[in-house]
């Protein structure tokens, strides 16, 4: 691993992981590391969104998570069905490039977690300590086939006694993007496309001539309309959602990211949703006003 000073400076500037304690106190668990810049959004928000879904619903669908973040769903995950076991491994950006090619190899075992918030904690620490950038590797194995090849370390962590071959690796979360590296894409669900905007004077407007198609039967003419439609789609899909799930999907499907400000998202949530106090998993939840309790 190349840890020369030049690399250290470049990577230290990429991610802002200062704890936002105010948002956490207000019930927005998962937004404790809400980055102010693009760098860090995918390695942070998208991982936390998956974690929130597991805690709110008891499980998370990897392919639905992928589709909501604008990346292809995994054919491997789809093939294994109920036996699919999704694990998250923390690493550095430098190592992730080698892992993509050779898989996960370690003489003392490969450690991974079913909850990405745990892996993310290690990612933050390693990035700060070594200045080698942050990345998270998502791999999928068949739970029944690997049962005797791993040791459970608590309810969410496993140590694999064998190397994880490269074909098991499906996604790599870099600081600025999610990359699908699986061999085969699933046909469903359809990934959510990006909305493209350009700045015209002081306003952000669609790059295509409005109205721009959003989905079947719906379209938008400006950023606010797109934002409302996107939040409604998230809640239509999930029923109720943690704030981090909303933020992560929005920022994964808007281009450029600078078009959307955090305050706009909070304002739209206040306008469209009922804000429920933290329940299961400690996450404050949002539901559409027309179906809220």
Protein backbone atom coordinates (compact mmCIF):
# COMPACT_ATOMS: atom_id res chain seq x y z
CA UNK A 1 0.00 0.00 0.00
CA UNK A 2 1.36 3.39 -1.00
CA UNK A 3 1.16 5.73 1.99
CA UNK A 4 3.46 8.47 0.80
CA UNK A 5 2.68 12.02 2.05
CA UNK A 6 1.28 13.09 -1.35
CA UNK A 7 -1.42 10.42 -1.10
CA UNK A 8 -2.13 11.29 2.51
CA UNK A 9 -2.92 14.93 1.67
CA UNK A 10 -5.16 14.02 -1.26
CA UNK A 11 -7.26 11.56 0.75
CA UNK A 12 -7.51 13.61 3.93
CA UNK A 13 -9.29 16.36 2.00
CA UNK A 14 -11.96 14.11 0.54
CA UNK A 15 -14.27 13.32 3.48
CA UNK A 16 -15.76 15.40 6.27
CA UNK A 17 -16.78 13.11 9.13
CA UNK A 18 -17.37 15.70 11.84
CA UNK A 19 -20.21 14.52 14.04
CA UNK A 20 -23.45 16.50 13.61
CA UNK A 21 -24.66 16.07 17.18
CA UNK A 22 -27.57 18.48 16.79
CA UNK A 23 -29.28 16.39 14.10
CA UNK A 24 -28.75 13.23 16.14
CA UNK A 25 -30.35 14.86 19.22
CA UNK A 26 -33.33 15.85 17.06
CA UNK A 27 -33.92 12.21 16.17
CA UNK A 28 -32.17 12.08 12.81
CA UNK A 29 -30.04 9.06 13.59
CA UNK A 30 -27.99 8.21 10.53
CA UNK A 31 -27.45 11.87 9.64
CA UNK A 32 -24.73 12.20 12.24
CA UNK A 33 -22.23 12.24 9.40
CA UNK A 34 -24.15 14.35 6.87
CA UNK A 35 -21.36 15.53 4.57
CA UNK A 36 -21.40 19.12 3.39
CA UNK A 37 -19.72 18.17 0.12
CA UNK A 38 -20.09 15.36 -2.39
CA UNK A 39 -17.07 13.50 -1.07
CA UNK A 40 -18.19 10.96 1.46
CA UNK A 41 -21.88 10.80 0.54
CA UNK A 42 -21.84 7.34 -0.95
CA UNK A 43 -19.45 5.76 1.51
CA UNK A 44 -21.48 7.30 4.33
CA UNK A 45 -25.11 8.10 3.56
CA UNK A 46 -25.79 5.09 1.33
CA UNK A 47 -24.30 2.70 3.87
CA UNK A 48 -26.28 4.30 6.69
CA UNK A 49 -29.45 4.10 4.58
CA UNK A 50 -29.08 0.32 4.25
CA UNK A 51 -28.47 0.08 7.98
CA UNK A 52 -31.58 2.13 8.73
CA UNK A 53 -33.73 -0.13 6.52
CA UNK A 54 -32.49 -3.22 8.38
CA UNK A 55 -33.38 -1.71 11.72
CA UNK A 56 -36.73 -0.23 10.74
CA UNK A 57 -38.04 -3.19 8.74
CA UNK A 58 -36.02 -6.05 10.24
CA UNK A 59 -34.30 -6.74 6.90
CA UNK A 60 -33.08 -4.92 3.80
CA UNK A 61 -33.34 -5.82 0.13
CA UNK A 62 -29.94 -5.20 -1.44
CA UNK A 63 -31.38 -4.87 -4.95
CA UNK A 64 -34.04 -2.36 -3.90
CA UNK A 65 -31.33 -0.37 -2.12
CA UNK A 66 -29.24 -0.45 -5.30
CA UNK A 67 -32.12 0.62 -7.54
CA UNK A 68 -33.00 3.54 -5.26
CA UNK A 69 -29.40 4.74 -5.54
CA UNK A 70 -29.25 4.57 -9.33
CA UNK A 71 -27.06 1.48 -9.73
CA UNK A 72 -27.88 -1.91 -11.30
CA UNK A 73 -29.39 -4.63 -9.09
CA UNK A 74 -27.29 -7.74 -8.51
CA UNK A 75 -28.05 -10.92 -10.43
CA UNK A 76 -26.15 -12.94 -7.83
CA UNK A 77 -28.29 -11.59 -5.00
CA UNK A 78 -31.42 -12.30 -7.05
CA UNK A 79 -30.26 -15.84 -7.83
CA UNK A 80 -29.68 -16.81 -4.18
CA UNK A 81 -33.08 -15.53 -3.07
CA UNK A 82 -33.78 -16.19 0.61
CA UNK A 83 -30.34 -17.77 1.02
CA UNK A 84 -28.53 -14.57 0.00
CA UNK A 85 -26.31 -13.20 2.73
CA UNK A 86 -25.14 -9.60 2.21
CA UNK A 87 -21.97 -8.53 4.01
CA UNK A 88 -20.05 -5.27 4.21
CA UNK A 89 -16.29 -5.08 4.53
CA UNK A 90 -14.43 -1.88 5.35
CA UNK A 91 -11.21 -1.08 3.58
CA UNK A 92 -9.22 1.76 2.05
CA UNK A 93 -9.62 3.17 -1.44
CA UNK A 94 -6.15 1.87 -2.25
CA UNK A 95 -6.95 -1.70 -1.21
CA UNK A 96 -10.39 -1.66 -2.86
CA UNK A 97 -8.81 -1.56 -6.30
CA UNK A 98 -6.92 -4.80 -5.57
CA UNK A 99 -9.96 -6.42 -3.93
CA UNK A 100 -12.00 -5.84 -7.06
CA UNK A 101 -9.48 -7.94 -9.03
CA UNK A 102 -8.39 -10.57 -6.52
CA UNK A 103 -11.20 -10.77 -3.97
CA UNK A 104 -10.83 -10.59 -0.20
CA UNK A 105 -7.71 -12.37 1.00
CA UNK A 106 -6.36 -12.44 4.54
CA UNK A 107 -4.29 -15.08 6.31
CA UNK A 108 -6.12 -14.47 9.61
CA UNK A 109 -9.59 -14.50 8.08
CA UNK A 110 -11.90 -12.02 6.39
CA UNK A 111 -14.05 -9.92 8.70
CA UNK A 112 -17.38 -8.53 7.54
CA UNK A 113 -20.65 -7.23 9.02
CA UNK A 114 -24.27 -7.57 8.05
CA UNK A 115 -24.82 -4.03 9.34
CA UNK A 116 -22.82 -1.50 7.28
CA UNK A 117 -22.83 1.08 10.09
CA UNK A 118 -20.35 -1.18 11.92
CA UNK A 119 -18.09 -1.50 8.89
CA UNK A 120 -18.36 2.25 8.33
CA UNK A 121 -16.92 2.92 11.77
CA UNK A 122 -13.78 1.01 10.84
CA UNK A 123 -13.65 2.79 7.48
CA UNK A 124 -13.58 6.19 9.16
CA UNK A 125 -10.82 5.11 11.51
CA UNK A 126 -8.61 3.63 8.82
CA UNK A 127 -9.03 6.57 6.50
CA UNK A 128 -7.98 8.97 9.24
CA UNK A 129 -5.12 6.81 10.50
CA UNK A 130 -3.54 5.91 7.17
CA UNK A 131 -4.68 8.67 4.82
CA UNK A 132 -5.45 6.02 2.20
CA UNK A 133 -9.03 7.01 1.39
CA UNK A 134 -12.21 5.19 2.35
CA UNK A 135 -14.16 2.44 0.63
CA UNK A 136 -16.62 -0.26 1.52
CA UNK A 137 -16.94 -3.60 -0.25
CA UNK A 138 -20.33 -5.32 -0.50
CA UNK A 139 -20.24 -9.05 -1.18
CA UNK A 140 -22.96 -11.66 -1.41
CA UNK A 141 -22.66 -15.33 -0.50
CA UNK A 142 -25.13 -18.16 -0.05
CA UNK A 143 -25.78 -18.46 3.66
CA UNK A 144 -26.25 -22.24 3.66
CA UNK A 145 -23.08 -22.89 1.63
CA UNK A 146 -20.89 -20.71 3.84
CA UNK A 147 -22.35 -21.64 7.21
CA UNK A 148 -19.45 -23.94 8.13
CA UNK A 149 -16.83 -21.60 6.64
CA UNK A 150 -17.37 -18.65 8.96
CA UNK A 151 -17.50 -17.94 12.68
CA UNK A 152 -20.15 -15.60 14.06
CA UNK A 153 -18.71 -12.88 16.29
CA UNK A 154 -21.83 -11.45 17.86
CA UNK A 155 -25.12 -11.01 15.98
CA UNK A 156 -23.84 -8.88 13.11
CA UNK A 157 -20.16 -9.74 12.52
CA UNK A 158 -18.64 -12.82 10.90
CA UNK A 159 -15.08 -13.99 10.36
CA UNK A 160 -14.68 -16.06 7.19
CA UNK A 161 -11.98 -18.74 7.29
CA UNK A 162 -11.61 -18.80 3.52
CA UNK A 163 -10.87 -16.12 0.99
CA UNK A 164 -13.85 -14.42 -0.65
CA UNK A 165 -13.44 -14.82 -4.43
CA UNK A 166 -13.92 -11.75 -6.66
CA UNK A 167 -17.16 -13.08 -8.18
CA UNK A 168 -18.83 -12.68 -4.77
CA UNK A 169 -18.15 -8.93 -4.71
CA UNK A 170 -21.10 -6.96 -6.07
CA UNK A 171 -20.57 -3.30 -5.12
CA UNK A 172 -17.82 -0.97 -4.01
CA UNK A 173 -18.80 2.23 -2.22
CA UNK A 174 -16.24 4.92 -2.90
CA UNK A 175 -16.37 8.37 -1.34
CA UNK A 176 -18.08 9.83 -4.41
CA UNK A 177 -19.94 6.95 -6.09
CA UNK A 178 -21.31 3.43 -5.89
CA UNK A 179 -19.84 1.04 -8.43
CA UNK A 180 -21.51 -2.19 -9.49
CA UNK A 181 -18.80 -4.81 -10.04
CA UNK A 182 -20.93 -7.94 -10.14
CA UNK A 183 -20.82 -10.24 -13.13
CA UNK A 184 -24.55 -10.23 -13.91
CA UNK A 185 -27.29 -7.64 -13.44
CA UNK A 186 -30.76 -8.55 -12.25
CA UNK A 187 -33.69 -7.57 -14.46
CA UNK A 188 -35.68 -6.07 -11.60
CA UNK A 189 -36.12 -3.72 -9.90
CA UNK A 190 -35.41 -0.97 -12.42
CA UNK A 191 -32.76 1.43 -11.18
CA UNK A 192 -33.86 5.00 -10.58
CA UNK A 193 -32.40 7.37 -13.14
CA UNK A 194 -30.65 10.63 -12.39
CA UNK A 195 -32.25 14.04 -12.80
CA UNK A 196 -29.96 16.49 -14.59
CA UNK A 197 -29.98 20.21 -13.81
CA UNK A 198 -28.05 23.28 -14.92
CA UNK A 199 -27.70 26.68 -13.34
CA UNK A 200 -29.48 29.51 -15.10
CA UNK A 201 -28.83 32.79 -13.37
CA UNK A 202 -29.46 32.03 -9.70
CA UNK A 203 -31.81 29.12 -10.34
CA UNK A 204 -31.29 25.45 -11.09
CA UNK A 205 -33.38 24.31 -14.05
CA UNK A 206 -33.70 20.97 -15.89
CA UNK A 207 -31.18 20.41 -18.67
CA UNK A 208 -33.95 19.03 -20.86
CA UNK A 209 -36.86 21.20 -21.94
CA UNK A 210 -39.63 20.87 -19.32
CA UNK A 211 -41.81 19.13 -18.54
CA UNK A 212 -39.31 16.30 -17.97
CA UNK A 213 -40.63 12.78 -17.52
CA UNK A 214 -40.21 11.47 -13.98
CA UNK A 215 -41.96 8.14 -14.34
CA UNK A 216 -45.08 6.79 -15.96
CA UNK A 217 -47.70 9.55 -15.77
CA UNK A 218 -45.60 12.05 -13.83
CA UNK A 219 -43.22 14.85 -14.85
CA UNK A 220 -41.48 17.89 -13.36
CA UNK A 221 -40.63 21.38 -14.52
CA UNK A 222 -38.22 22.55 -11.81
CA UNK A 223 -36.07 21.32 -8.95
CA UNK A 224 -38.79 21.66 -6.30
CA UNK A 225 -41.21 19.54 -8.32
CA UNK A 226 -38.55 16.87 -8.83
CA UNK A 227 -37.78 16.91 -5.10
CA UNK A 228 -41.43 16.46 -4.14
CA UNK A 229 -41.91 13.63 -6.65
CA UNK A 230 -38.73 11.91 -5.47
CA UNK A 231 -39.70 12.02 -1.79
CA UNK A 232 -43.18 10.73 -2.62
CA UNK A 233 -41.65 7.88 -4.63
CA UNK A 234 -39.36 6.92 -1.75
CA UNK A 235 -42.28 6.81 0.66
CA UNK A 236 -44.51 4.99 -1.83
CA UNK A 237 -41.78 2.36 -2.14
CA UNK A 238 -40.87 1.99 1.54
CA UNK A 239 -44.08 3.03 3.32
CA UNK A 240 -42.08 4.93 5.90
CA UNK A 241 -38.45 5.97 5.81
CA UNK A 242 -35.68 7.30 7.98
CA UNK A 243 -34.29 10.69 7.03
CA UNK A 244 -30.99 9.14 5.98
CA UNK A 245 -32.80 6.93 3.46
CA UNK A 246 -34.40 9.98 1.89
CA UNK A 247 -31.17 11.98 1.79
CA UNK A 248 -29.07 9.15 0.38
CA UNK A 249 -31.47 8.32 -2.46
CA UNK A 250 -31.95 11.99 -3.38
CA UNK A 251 -28.26 12.79 -3.58
CA UNK A 252 -27.55 9.60 -5.52
CA UNK A 253 -30.08 10.56 -8.20
CA UNK A 254 -29.50 14.31 -8.67
CA UNK A 255 -26.79 15.73 -10.90
CA UNK A 256 -24.98 17.93 -10.08
CA UNK A 257 -25.17 17.37 -6.33
CA UNK A 258 -24.73 21.13 -5.70
CA UNK A 259 -28.22 21.77 -7.08
CA UNK A 260 -29.83 20.35 -3.93
CA UNK A 261 -29.27 21.96 -0.54
CA UNK A 262 -29.84 20.19 2.75
CA UNK A 263 -32.34 22.82 3.89
CA UNK A 264 -34.47 22.17 0.80
CA UNK A 265 -34.75 18.50 1.70
CA UNK A 266 -35.76 19.26 5.30
CA UNK A 267 -38.33 21.81 4.11
CA UNK A 268 -39.86 19.30 1.69
CA UNK A 269 -40.03 16.63 4.38
CA UNK A 270 -41.78 19.07 6.71
CA UNK A 271 -44.27 19.97 4.00
CA UNK A 272 -45.04 16.46 2.74
CA UNK A 273 -44.64 14.18 5.72
CA UNK A 274 -45.55 13.40 9.28
CA UNK A 275 -42.45 13.18 11.44
CA UNK A 276 -42.73 10.29 13.87
CA UNK A 277 -40.56 10.08 16.96
CA UNK A 278 -37.72 7.55 17.05
CA UNK A 279 -39.02 4.01 17.30
CA UNK A 280 -37.36 0.74 16.37
CA UNK A 281 -33.61 1.22 15.95
CA UNK A 282 -33.77 4.79 17.25
CA UNK A 283 -34.57 6.33 13.85
CA UNK A 284 -37.04 9.15 13.42
CA UNK A 285 -39.44 8.11 10.65
CA UNK A 286 -41.38 9.92 7.95
CA UNK A 287 -44.70 8.92 6.41
CA UNK A 288 -46.88 10.74 3.89
CA UNK A 289 -49.43 12.94 5.62
CA UNK A 290 -52.38 11.31 3.92
CA UNK A 291 -51.63 7.87 5.39
CA UNK A 292 -50.00 8.90 8.67
CA UNK A 293 -51.48 7.69 11.96
